[in-house]
Amino acid sequence: MRSRFRHSAIPEGDPKVISLESAVEDLGLSVRTRNALRAIGCDTVENVLALDFGSSVRGLGRKTKEELLTALELSGFRHPALEQQPPSEIQVLERSLDKMQTRVDAALASISKEIRILKQRIRKSRSGVS
């Protein structure tokens, strides 16, 4: 007696050929990964191959990137990130310092704005008292 279920990842009939123009849905990714890709504007395999995994990509954590790289390889593509050497410790530290500097700059700008607003309020209250 034959089983009703196929135990193969390849659907019956001709397997779908995936090209650079293929939609990300054709890679067989999880909904979460597809949604993360769509959110950053990746609609095609070509867009995914152009992603820079060296920097932080919103919505694409370690597991999502692993799923994506595996799906690409199974479809016959190799992401350039796999060809690159891992960043050196100095590069990682420089990136961390850059992120910290950005946060510090934003915080200082916010504090500076608050100071200006308070000074304006003081000037207004002085001019109203005279």
Protein backbone atom coordinates (compact mmCIF):
# COMPACT_ATOMS: atom_id res chain seq x y z
CA MET A 1 0.00 0.00 0.00
CA ARG A 2 1.39 3.40 -1.00
CA SER A 3 1.52 6.26 1.44
CA ARG A 4 -0.63 9.27 0.67
CA PHE A 5 2.14 11.60 1.81
CA ARG A 6 5.32 12.44 -0.01
CA HIS A 7 8.46 12.59 2.08
CA SER A 8 10.28 15.02 -0.16
CA ALA A 9 10.79 18.76 -0.01
CA ILE A 10 10.44 18.95 -3.81
CA PRO A 11 6.86 19.25 -4.97
CA GLU A 12 5.56 16.84 -7.59
CA GLY A 13 6.00 17.92 -11.18
CA ASP A 14 8.65 20.32 -12.38
CA PRO A 15 10.51 22.00 -9.54
CA LYS A 16 10.28 25.76 -9.70
CA VAL A 17 13.40 27.43 -11.03
CA ILE A 18 14.44 30.34 -8.85
CA SER A 19 16.11 33.30 -10.55
CA LEU A 20 17.36 36.70 -9.40
CA GLU A 21 13.97 38.16 -10.33
CA SER A 22 12.04 35.57 -8.29
CA ALA A 23 9.97 36.84 -5.38
CA VAL A 24 11.24 36.15 -1.86
CA GLU A 25 8.18 33.91 -1.35
CA ASP A 26 9.70 31.46 -3.83
CA LEU A 27 12.54 30.75 -1.38
CA GLY A 28 10.20 28.94 1.01
CA LEU A 29 10.97 31.19 3.96
CA SER A 30 9.00 31.47 7.17
CA VAL A 31 6.34 34.17 7.39
CA ARG A 32 8.43 36.08 9.93
CA THR A 33 11.46 36.17 7.61
CA ARG A 34 9.37 37.13 4.57
CA ASN A 35 7.72 39.94 6.54
CA ALA A 36 11.10 41.22 7.78
CA LEU A 37 12.42 41.24 4.21
CA ARG A 38 9.34 43.03 2.89
CA ALA A 39 9.64 45.63 5.67
CA ILE A 40 13.12 46.60 4.48
CA GLY A 41 12.15 46.60 0.80
CA CYS A 42 13.50 43.20 -0.29
CA ASP A 43 11.01 41.81 -2.79
CA THR A 44 13.29 39.67 -4.96
CA VAL A 45 16.16 37.23 -4.58
CA GLU A 46 18.42 39.89 -6.12
CA ASN A 47 17.44 42.34 -3.35
CA VAL A 48 18.26 39.72 -0.72
CA LEU A 49 21.67 39.06 -2.28
CA ALA A 50 22.40 42.80 -2.11
CA LEU A 51 21.76 42.97 1.66
CA ASP A 52 24.76 43.90 3.79
CA PHE A 53 24.81 41.41 6.65
CA GLY A 54 27.92 43.09 8.04
CA SER A 55 25.76 45.81 9.53
CA SER A 56 22.65 45.46 11.63
CA VAL A 57 19.49 44.93 9.58
CA ARG A 58 16.22 45.63 11.38
CA GLY A 59 14.16 42.47 11.78
CA LEU A 60 16.93 40.15 10.66
CA GLY A 61 18.48 38.48 13.65
CA ARG A 62 20.91 35.58 13.75
CA LYS A 63 18.30 32.84 13.22
CA THR A 64 16.57 34.74 10.43
CA LYS A 65 19.88 35.30 8.64
CA GLU A 66 20.73 31.60 8.98
CA GLU A 67 17.34 30.63 7.53
CA LEU A 68 17.81 33.09 4.69
CA LEU A 69 21.34 31.94 3.83
CA THR A 70 20.25 28.29 3.90
CA ALA A 71 17.26 28.97 1.64
CA LEU A 72 19.48 30.86 -0.80
CA GLU A 73 22.00 28.00 -0.93
CA LEU A 74 19.24 25.42 -1.46
CA SER A 75 18.04 27.56 -4.37
CA GLY A 76 21.51 27.68 -5.92
CA PHE A 77 22.63 31.09 -4.67
CA ARG A 78 25.47 32.00 -2.36
CA HIS A 79 25.19 35.28 -0.47
CA PRO A 80 28.33 37.45 -0.67
CA ALA A 81 28.39 37.56 3.15
CA LEU A 82 29.54 33.94 3.10
CA GLU A 83 32.51 34.88 0.94
CA GLN A 84 33.65 37.71 3.17
CA GLN A 85 35.97 37.13 6.06
CA PRO A 86 34.42 37.72 9.46
CA PRO A 87 35.04 41.21 10.82
CA SER A 88 38.10 41.57 12.98
CA GLU A 89 37.74 42.42 16.65
CA ILE A 90 38.88 45.96 15.91
CA GLN A 91 36.19 46.38 13.24
CA VAL A 92 33.54 45.12 15.66
CA LEU A 93 34.77 47.53 18.34
CA GLU A 94 34.80 50.44 15.87
CA ARG A 95 31.22 49.65 14.86
CA SER A 96 30.17 49.53 18.52
CA LEU A 97 31.87 52.86 19.19
CA ASP A 98 30.15 54.43 16.19
CA LYS A 99 26.76 53.27 17.47
CA MET A 100 27.54 54.57 20.95
CA GLN A 101 28.66 57.92 19.52
CA THR A 102 25.40 58.22 17.59
CA ARG A 103 23.38 57.57 20.76
CA VAL A 104 25.46 60.08 22.77
CA ASP A 105 25.07 62.73 20.05
CA ALA A 106 21.30 62.21 20.01
CA ALA A 107 21.11 62.44 23.81
CA LEU A 108 23.19 65.63 23.89
CA ALA A 109 21.06 67.19 21.18
CA SER A 110 17.95 66.41 23.22
CA ILE A 111 19.46 67.93 26.38
CA SER A 112 20.58 71.01 24.46
CA LYS A 113 17.05 71.47 23.12
CA GLU A 114 15.60 71.22 26.64
CA ILE A 115 18.06 73.86 27.89
CA ARG A 116 17.06 76.25 25.07
CA ILE A 117 13.36 75.76 25.87
CA LEU A 118 13.91 76.43 29.59
CA LYS A 119 15.95 79.56 28.83
CA GLN A 120 13.12 80.84 26.63
CA ARG A 121 10.59 80.21 29.40
CA ILE A 122 12.80 82.07 31.89
CA ARG A 123 13.12 85.05 29.50
CA LYS A 124 9.34 85.11 28.98
CA SER A 125 8.65 85.00 32.69
CA ARG A 126 11.17 87.81 33.35
CA SER A 127 9.67 90.01 30.68
CA GLY A 128 6.17 89.45 32.09
CA VAL A 129 7.27 90.35 35.67
CA SER A 130 8.85 93.74 34.84
